[in-house]
Protein backbone atom coordinates (compact mmCIF):
# COMPACT_ATOMS: atom_id res chain seq x y z
CA MET A 1 -16.20 2.52 -0.37
CA ALA A 2 -13.40 3.94 1.77
CA LEU A 3 -14.32 1.54 4.59
CA ALA A 4 -14.24 -1.37 2.18
CA ALA A 5 -10.80 -0.33 0.94
CA LEU A 6 -9.54 -0.09 4.53
CA THR A 7 -11.05 -3.24 6.03
CA GLU A 8 -11.82 -5.87 3.38
CA ARG A 9 -8.19 -6.60 2.36
CA GLN A 10 -9.18 -6.80 -1.28
CA PRO A 11 -7.19 -5.56 -4.30
CA LEU A 12 -8.30 -2.16 -5.50
CA ALA A 13 -8.94 -3.57 -8.98
CA ASP A 14 -11.58 -5.93 -7.54
CA LEU A 15 -13.27 -3.13 -5.58
CA ALA A 16 -13.23 -0.89 -8.66
CA ALA A 17 -14.86 -3.61 -10.78
CA ARG A 18 -17.50 -4.32 -8.15
CA TYR A 19 -18.52 -0.69 -7.59
CA GLN A 20 -17.76 0.56 -11.11
CA LEU A 21 -15.22 3.18 -10.02
CA ALA A 22 -11.63 4.08 -10.84
CA THR A 23 -8.90 2.75 -8.56
CA ALA A 24 -7.41 6.25 -8.22
CA GLN A 25 -10.71 7.57 -6.87
CA ILE A 26 -10.96 4.75 -4.31
CA THR A 27 -7.39 5.47 -3.18
CA ARG A 28 -8.22 9.16 -2.67
CA TRP A 29 -11.32 8.31 -0.63
CA LYS A 30 -9.33 5.84 1.45
CA LEU A 31 -6.73 8.48 2.32
CA GLN A 32 -9.42 11.07 3.08
CA LEU A 33 -11.21 8.70 5.45
CA ARG A 34 -7.95 7.80 7.20
CA GLU A 35 -7.17 11.50 7.74
CA GLN A 36 -10.70 12.70 8.59
CA ALA A 37 -12.28 9.72 10.33
CA ALA A 38 -13.05 11.69 13.48
CA GLN A 39 -15.01 14.31 11.53
CA VAL A 40 -16.79 11.78 9.32
CA PHE A 41 -18.15 9.76 12.24
CA ALA A 42 -18.87 12.75 14.50
CA GLU A 43 -22.45 13.29 15.57
CA ALA A 44 -24.35 15.20 12.90
CA PRO A 45 -25.94 18.53 13.92
CA ALA A 46 -29.62 18.56 14.69
CA VAL A 47 -31.91 19.19 11.73
CA LEU A 48 -33.95 22.38 11.96
CA SER A 49 -37.65 21.65 12.09
CA ALA A 50 -38.93 25.11 11.24
CA ALA A 51 -40.72 25.42 7.91
CA PRO A 52 -38.76 27.48 5.39
CA ASP A 53 -40.03 30.73 3.96
CA VAL A 54 -41.16 30.89 0.35
CA GLU A 55 -38.65 33.51 -0.77
CA PRO A 56 -35.55 31.52 0.31
CA LEU A 57 -36.99 28.54 -1.57
CA TYR A 58 -37.28 30.55 -4.79
CA ALA A 59 -33.75 31.84 -4.25
CA ALA A 60 -32.52 28.29 -3.79
CA ILE A 61 -34.27 27.20 -7.00
CA GLY A 62 -32.59 29.98 -8.93
CA ARG A 63 -29.21 29.08 -7.46
CA LEU A 64 -29.70 25.42 -8.35
CA GLN A 65 -30.63 26.34 -11.92
CA MET A 66 -27.44 28.40 -12.24
CA GLU A 67 -25.34 25.58 -10.72
CA ASN A 68 -26.96 23.07 -13.07
CA ALA A 69 -26.07 25.24 -16.07
CA LEU A 70 -22.48 25.58 -14.84
CA LEU A 71 -22.30 21.83 -14.25
CA LYS A 72 -23.40 21.09 -17.82
CA LYS A 73 -20.91 23.61 -19.15
CA ASN A 74 -17.99 22.11 -17.20
CA ALA A 75 -19.04 18.45 -17.29
CA GLY A 76 -16.10 17.60 -19.49
CA ALA A 77 -13.68 18.68 -16.72
CA VAL A 78 -15.21 16.24 -14.18
CA PRO A 79 -13.65 12.74 -14.24
CA VAL A 80 -15.94 10.06 -15.63
CA ALA A 81 -15.65 8.04 -12.40
CA GLN A 82 -17.03 10.96 -10.38
CA GLN A 83 -19.84 11.54 -12.88
CA ARG A 84 -20.73 7.86 -12.67
CA ALA A 85 -20.81 8.07 -8.88
CA LEU A 86 -23.09 11.12 -9.00
CA VAL A 87 -25.55 9.34 -11.29
CA GLN A 88 -25.49 6.27 -9.05
CA ALA A 89 -26.07 8.31 -5.89
CA ALA A 90 -28.95 10.35 -7.30
CA ASP A 91 -32.50 9.51 -6.20
CA PRO A 92 -34.24 7.38 -8.91
CA ALA A 93 -37.39 9.40 -8.27
CA ASN A 94 -35.64 12.39 -9.87
CA GLY A 95 -35.53 10.73 -13.25
CA SER A 96 -34.30 7.71 -15.15
CA VAL A 97 -30.66 6.82 -15.60
CA GLN A 98 -30.78 8.32 -19.07
CA ALA A 99 -32.13 11.64 -17.73
CA ARG A 100 -29.50 11.78 -14.98
CA CYS A 101 -26.74 11.03 -17.48
CA GLN A 102 -28.00 13.74 -19.81
CA ALA A 103 -28.03 16.25 -16.94
CA LEU A 104 -24.31 15.60 -16.41
CA GLY A 105 -23.43 15.18 -20.07
CA LEU A 106 -22.39 11.56 -19.44
CA ALA A 107 -22.97 8.87 -22.05
CA ARG A 108 -25.07 5.93 -20.85
CA SER A 109 -22.42 3.52 -22.11
CA SER A 110 -19.88 5.21 -19.84
CA PHE A 111 -22.22 4.82 -16.87
CA PHE A 112 -22.80 1.10 -17.43
CA TYR A 113 -19.14 0.38 -18.16
CA GLN A 114 -17.62 -2.03 -15.63
CA PRO A 115 -13.84 -1.70 -15.07
CA ARG A 116 -11.95 -4.97 -15.41
CA GLY A 117 -9.12 -6.11 -13.23
CA GLU A 118 -5.92 -7.66 -14.53
CA SER A 119 -6.40 -10.73 -16.71
CA ALA A 120 -5.30 -14.19 -15.61
CA ARG A 121 -2.44 -14.00 -18.10
CA ASN A 122 -1.17 -10.72 -16.67
CA LEU A 123 -1.40 -12.06 -13.12
CA GLU A 124 0.65 -15.08 -14.16
CA LEU A 125 3.22 -12.80 -15.81
CA MET A 126 3.38 -10.67 -12.65
CA ARG A 127 4.05 -13.76 -10.56
CA LEU A 128 6.90 -14.82 -12.86
CA LEU A 129 8.31 -11.28 -12.92
CA ASP A 130 8.24 -11.07 -9.14
CA GLU A 131 10.02 -14.42 -8.78
CA GLU A 132 12.77 -13.33 -11.20
CA PHE A 133 13.08 -9.88 -9.63
CA THR A 134 13.43 -11.43 -6.17
CA ASP A 135 16.48 -13.35 -7.42
CA HIS A 136 17.94 -10.70 -9.76
CA ASN A 137 16.81 -7.23 -8.73
CA PHE A 138 19.26 -5.60 -11.14
CA LYS A 139 17.22 -6.58 -14.19
CA GLY A 140 15.34 -3.88 -16.04
CA VAL A 141 12.42 -4.10 -18.44
CA LEU A 142 14.39 -5.63 -21.30
CA GLY A 143 16.08 -8.19 -19.06
CA LEU A 144 12.76 -9.23 -17.56
CA ARG A 145 11.19 -9.37 -21.01
CA ASP A 146 13.95 -11.70 -22.22
CA HIS A 147 13.48 -13.87 -19.13
CA LEU A 148 9.79 -14.27 -19.91
CA ARG A 149 10.52 -15.08 -23.55
CA LEU A 150 12.99 -17.78 -22.52
CA ALA A 151 10.26 -19.17 -20.26
CA GLY A 152 7.93 -19.43 -23.28
CA ARG A 153 5.89 -16.26 -22.70
CA ALA A 154 5.84 -14.07 -25.80
CA VAL A 155 5.52 -10.51 -24.43
CA ASN A 156 6.85 -7.12 -25.46
CA GLU A 157 8.61 -4.56 -23.31
CA LYS A 158 5.54 -2.30 -23.19
CA ARG A 159 3.53 -4.86 -21.23
CA VAL A 160 6.48 -5.74 -19.00
CA ARG A 161 7.06 -2.06 -18.19
CA ARG A 162 3.42 -1.53 -17.23
CA LEU A 163 3.30 -4.61 -15.00
CA VAL A 164 6.59 -3.80 -13.29
CA ARG A 165 5.38 -0.27 -12.54
CA LEU A 166 2.10 -1.67 -11.23
CA MET A 167 4.02 -3.95 -8.83
CA GLY A 168 6.21 -1.09 -7.65
CA HIS A 169 9.51 -2.79 -8.58
CA GLU A 170 12.53 -0.69 -9.50
CA PRO A 171 15.85 -2.27 -10.50
CA VAL A 172 19.14 -1.44 -8.82
CA TYR A 173 21.35 0.37 -11.32
CA PRO A 174 23.38 3.61 -11.50
CA LYS A 175 21.01 6.51 -12.07
CA PRO A 176 21.76 10.15 -12.93
CA ARG A 177 21.55 12.87 -10.27
CA LEU A 178 21.44 10.41 -7.39
CA SER A 179 22.62 13.01 -4.91
CA VAL A 180 19.63 15.33 -5.48
CA PRO A 181 16.98 14.72 -2.77
CA GLY A 182 13.27 15.04 -3.39
CA GLN A 183 11.55 18.34 -2.66
CA GLY A 184 10.83 18.73 1.05
CA VAL A 185 12.70 15.55 2.02
CA THR A 186 15.06 15.83 4.99
CA PRO A 187 18.36 14.10 4.17
CA TYR A 188 19.51 11.47 6.66
CA PRO A 189 22.76 9.48 6.35
CA TYR A 190 23.15 5.71 6.40
CA LEU A 191 24.31 4.98 9.98
CA LEU A 192 24.94 1.22 9.74
CA ARG A 193 27.96 1.04 7.44
CA ASP A 194 30.38 -0.13 10.16
CA LEU A 195 27.96 -0.49 13.05
CA PRO A 196 26.80 -4.09 13.61
CA ALA A 197 23.76 -4.65 15.84
CA THR A 198 24.90 -6.52 18.97
CA ALA A 199 21.64 -6.61 20.97
CA PRO A 200 17.88 -6.60 20.39
CA ASN A 201 16.20 -3.24 19.85
CA GLU A 202 19.40 -1.51 18.78
CA VAL A 203 18.48 -1.38 15.09
CA TRP A 204 15.13 -1.87 13.38
CA SER A 205 14.43 -1.68 9.67
CA THR A 206 11.33 -1.60 7.48
CA ASP A 207 10.39 -2.12 3.85
CA ILE A 208 7.45 -2.82 1.51
CA THR A 209 7.12 -5.67 -0.98
CA TYR A 210 4.60 -6.79 -3.61
CA VAL A 211 2.70 -10.00 -2.77
CA PRO A 212 0.95 -11.92 -5.58
CA MET A 213 -2.25 -13.87 -5.00
CA ALA A 214 -4.26 -16.29 -7.12
CA LYS A 215 -6.35 -13.27 -8.19
CA GLY A 216 -4.87 -9.81 -7.72
CA PHE A 217 -2.10 -8.64 -5.42
CA LEU A 218 -1.48 -6.72 -2.19
CA TYR A 219 1.45 -4.94 -0.54
CA LEU A 220 3.20 -6.18 2.60
CA ALA A 221 5.15 -4.00 5.04
CA ALA A 222 7.07 -5.21 8.09
CA VAL A 223 9.42 -4.02 10.85
CA LEU A 224 12.42 -6.28 11.58
CA ASP A 225 14.89 -6.32 14.47
CA TRP A 226 18.38 -6.56 12.94
CA HIS A 227 20.15 -8.42 15.73
CA SER A 228 17.61 -11.24 16.14
CA ARG A 229 15.86 -11.13 12.70
CA TYR A 230 12.63 -11.01 14.72
CA VAL A 231 9.56 -9.71 12.84
CA LEU A 232 8.08 -7.17 15.24
CA SER A 233 4.99 -6.27 13.19
CA TRP A 234 3.52 -6.47 9.70
CA GLN A 235 0.51 -5.26 7.73
CA LEU A 236 -1.15 -5.79 4.35
CA SER A 237 -2.57 -3.01 2.19
CA ASN A 238 -4.14 -2.65 -1.24
CA SER A 239 -2.48 0.73 -1.84
CA LEU A 240 0.98 2.23 -1.32
CA ASP A 241 -0.02 4.98 1.12
CA VAL A 242 1.85 6.01 4.24
CA GLY A 243 -1.06 5.06 6.52
CA PHE A 244 -0.42 1.34 6.72
CA CYS A 245 3.34 1.94 7.13
CA LEU A 246 2.59 4.13 10.15
CA GLN A 247 0.34 1.39 11.52
CA VAL A 248 3.17 -1.16 11.25
CA LEU A 249 5.50 1.22 13.10
CA ALA A 250 2.90 1.91 15.80
CA ASP A 251 2.31 -1.83 16.32
CA ALA A 252 6.04 -2.43 16.77
CA LEU A 253 6.47 0.47 19.22
CA ARG A 254 3.45 -0.66 21.21
CA HIS A 255 5.06 -4.03 22.02
CA ALA A 256 8.75 -3.13 22.30
CA PRO A 257 10.93 -0.16 23.31
CA ALA A 258 11.97 2.17 20.52
CA PRO A 259 15.31 1.25 18.89
CA HIS A 260 18.37 3.46 18.89
CA ILE A 261 18.46 3.45 15.06
CA PHE A 262 15.62 2.96 12.59
CA ASN A 263 16.63 2.25 9.00
CA SER A 264 14.55 2.37 5.80
CA ASP A 265 14.97 3.02 2.11
CA GLN A 266 14.16 6.40 0.56
CA GLY A 267 10.62 5.52 -0.52
CA SER A 268 8.04 8.28 -0.34
CA GLN A 269 6.23 6.54 2.53
CA PHE A 270 9.32 6.55 4.78
CA THR A 271 10.54 10.04 3.82
CA SER A 272 7.15 11.62 4.49
CA LEU A 273 6.84 14.19 7.26
CA ALA A 274 4.33 12.03 9.19
CA TYR A 275 6.67 9.03 9.27
CA GLU A 276 9.69 11.15 10.17
CA GLN A 277 7.81 12.82 13.04
CA ALA A 278 6.67 9.44 14.39
CA LEU A 279 10.28 8.22 14.54
CA LEU A 280 11.62 11.41 16.12
CA THR A 281 8.81 11.42 18.70
CA ALA A 282 9.74 7.85 19.66
CA GLY A 283 13.37 8.94 20.13
CA CYS A 284 14.89 7.03 17.18
CA ARG A 285 17.88 8.09 15.14
CA ILE A 286 16.84 7.94 11.48
CA SER A 287 19.02 6.06 8.99
CA ARG A 288 18.27 5.73 5.28
CA ASP A 289 19.73 3.57 2.54
CA GLY A 290 21.85 5.17 -0.12
CA TRP A 291 20.20 5.63 -3.51
CA GLY A 292 20.27 2.37 -5.46
CA ARG A 293 21.86 0.39 -2.60
CA ALA A 294 19.53 -2.53 -1.86
CA THR A 295 22.28 -4.18 0.23
CA ASP A 296 22.04 -1.40 2.83
CA ASN A 297 18.80 -3.02 4.01
CA ALA A 298 19.88 -6.57 3.25
CA PHE A 299 18.29 -8.27 6.27
CA ILE A 300 14.71 -7.32 5.43
CA GLU A 301 15.35 -7.93 1.72
CA ARG A 302 16.38 -11.45 2.72
CA LEU A 303 13.19 -11.72 4.78
CA TRP A 304 11.10 -11.01 1.66
CA ARG A 305 12.96 -13.71 -0.26
CA THR A 306 12.39 -16.21 2.56
CA VAL A 307 8.68 -15.44 2.91
CA LYS A 308 8.03 -15.62 -0.83
CA TRP A 309 10.03 -18.74 -1.65
CA GLU A 310 9.11 -20.72 1.46
CA HIS A 311 5.43 -19.85 1.54
CA ILE A 312 3.79 -17.38 -0.86
CA TYR A 313 4.92 -18.92 -4.15
CA LEU A 314 4.17 -22.44 -2.89
CA ASN A 315 0.73 -21.53 -1.48
CA PRO A 316 -0.88 -18.73 -3.51
CA ALA A 317 -3.69 -17.16 -1.50
CA ASP A 318 -7.23 -16.97 -2.87
CA ASP A 319 -7.89 -13.44 -1.59
CA GLY A 320 -6.75 -10.89 0.98
CA ARG A 321 -8.32 -12.61 3.99
CA HIS A 322 -6.75 -15.92 3.03
CA LEU A 323 -3.36 -14.22 2.56
CA HIS A 324 -3.61 -12.56 5.98
CA GLN A 325 -4.32 -15.92 7.63
CA GLN A 326 -1.40 -17.53 5.83
CA LEU A 327 1.06 -14.79 6.75
CA HIS A 328 -0.11 -14.80 10.38
CA ALA A 329 0.69 -18.51 10.58
CA TYR A 330 3.97 -18.19 8.68
CA PHE A 331 5.38 -15.31 10.72
CA ALA A 332 4.57 -17.24 13.91
CA TYR A 333 6.57 -20.14 12.46
CA TYR A 334 9.35 -17.83 11.27
CA ASN A 335 9.72 -16.14 14.65
CA HIS A 336 9.32 -19.10 17.00
CA ARG A 337 10.16 -22.34 15.18
CA ARG A 338 12.43 -21.61 12.21
CA PRO A 339 16.15 -21.77 13.15
CA HIS A 340 18.61 -19.37 11.48
CA GLN A 341 22.15 -20.33 10.55
CA SER A 342 23.31 -16.76 11.21
CA LEU A 343 21.91 -17.09 14.75
CA GLY A 344 23.75 -20.32 15.48
CA GLY A 345 20.67 -22.47 14.85
CA GLN A 346 18.48 -20.49 17.25
CA THR A 347 15.11 -18.98 16.44
CA PRO A 348 14.58 -15.20 16.20
CA ALA A 349 12.24 -15.26 19.20
CA HIS A 350 14.85 -17.06 21.34
CA VAL A 351 17.51 -14.47 20.52
CA TYR A 352 15.09 -11.58 20.96
CA ARG A 353 14.07 -12.81 24.43
CA THR A 354 17.55 -11.98 25.69
CA ASN A 355 16.17 -8.44 25.93
CA PRO A 356 14.56 -8.14 29.41
CA THR A 357 11.87 -5.77 28.04
CA PHE A 358 10.58 -8.35 25.55
CA ASN A 359 6.77 -8.70 25.51
CA HIS A 360 5.92 -12.40 25.31
CA ASN A 361 2.35 -11.66 24.17
CA HIS A 362 3.54 -10.15 20.88
CA ILE A 363 3.11 -12.11 17.61
CA THR A 364 2.25 -15.55 18.91
């Protein structure tokens, strides 16, 4: 399951429906595999071939009986998704599905229940919400609800709030206690207020955006060079964990020298200790947007608008693999063949090549 979540580029809702599990459980397994892959795939110890004594066997039976009694007593504390997985993994020779469910105190109807992904109506609403939020990121739940109603979609704020949270969108508006950092987060100032980037690899920035598909959605992260608008690297993920953000950063550093300044927003992925250590190890000065200031990272926000309006909304992908192929082709076009007015009609790749350390084999 964890391998499928890492490699198949499918929305978690689809994987949960296919394997009859909760999306939160799949996310936890995905993170555990990413952190413990070396141990998981290490060579297993040799199995002892000596026949066991009778007394240890009786002791093991007694221990199993006690554990079984404790399991029945505390079955209500175990999440239903984990109970379902235990029943599924048990050997059929040990009893029918009904017997295995009874041993765990799990109703058969709960075992055979198949989680459903988002409906076609909700996916359509999410697409419309994302389009409106891309244009007007100051709108909250009520503003987005009114926009949908004017477009002929009768929805209430409860549904809009749930879908907006699912997409990871947060409007830009004055919030209370903005100066209080999160627990364990190292504060870094915004270093680009009056410091324009005058050469490639002086300033990089990163961000994450929601990407709708014909069925489901994924998240897209990228690293952008400020001076040239060149997309150094990008990745898709079906969950908002720090792992794929670190992969995007590693891909960029593998093909280009580390920048003097690396800017991001104050999302939990970019303020994590792992991400901070990766930047400091590479020798970057860390810069972070001010709270509620989307314009501090305006160049990559503009990139998201360009990618969505020029490609994603016009060509909705069928699934994750199709989306990856489309974005691979579009970013090649964006970097090498799309002229920018802010660059005097030149392409990002042409401006980025003024750096003598540029790797011509990167993002063809």
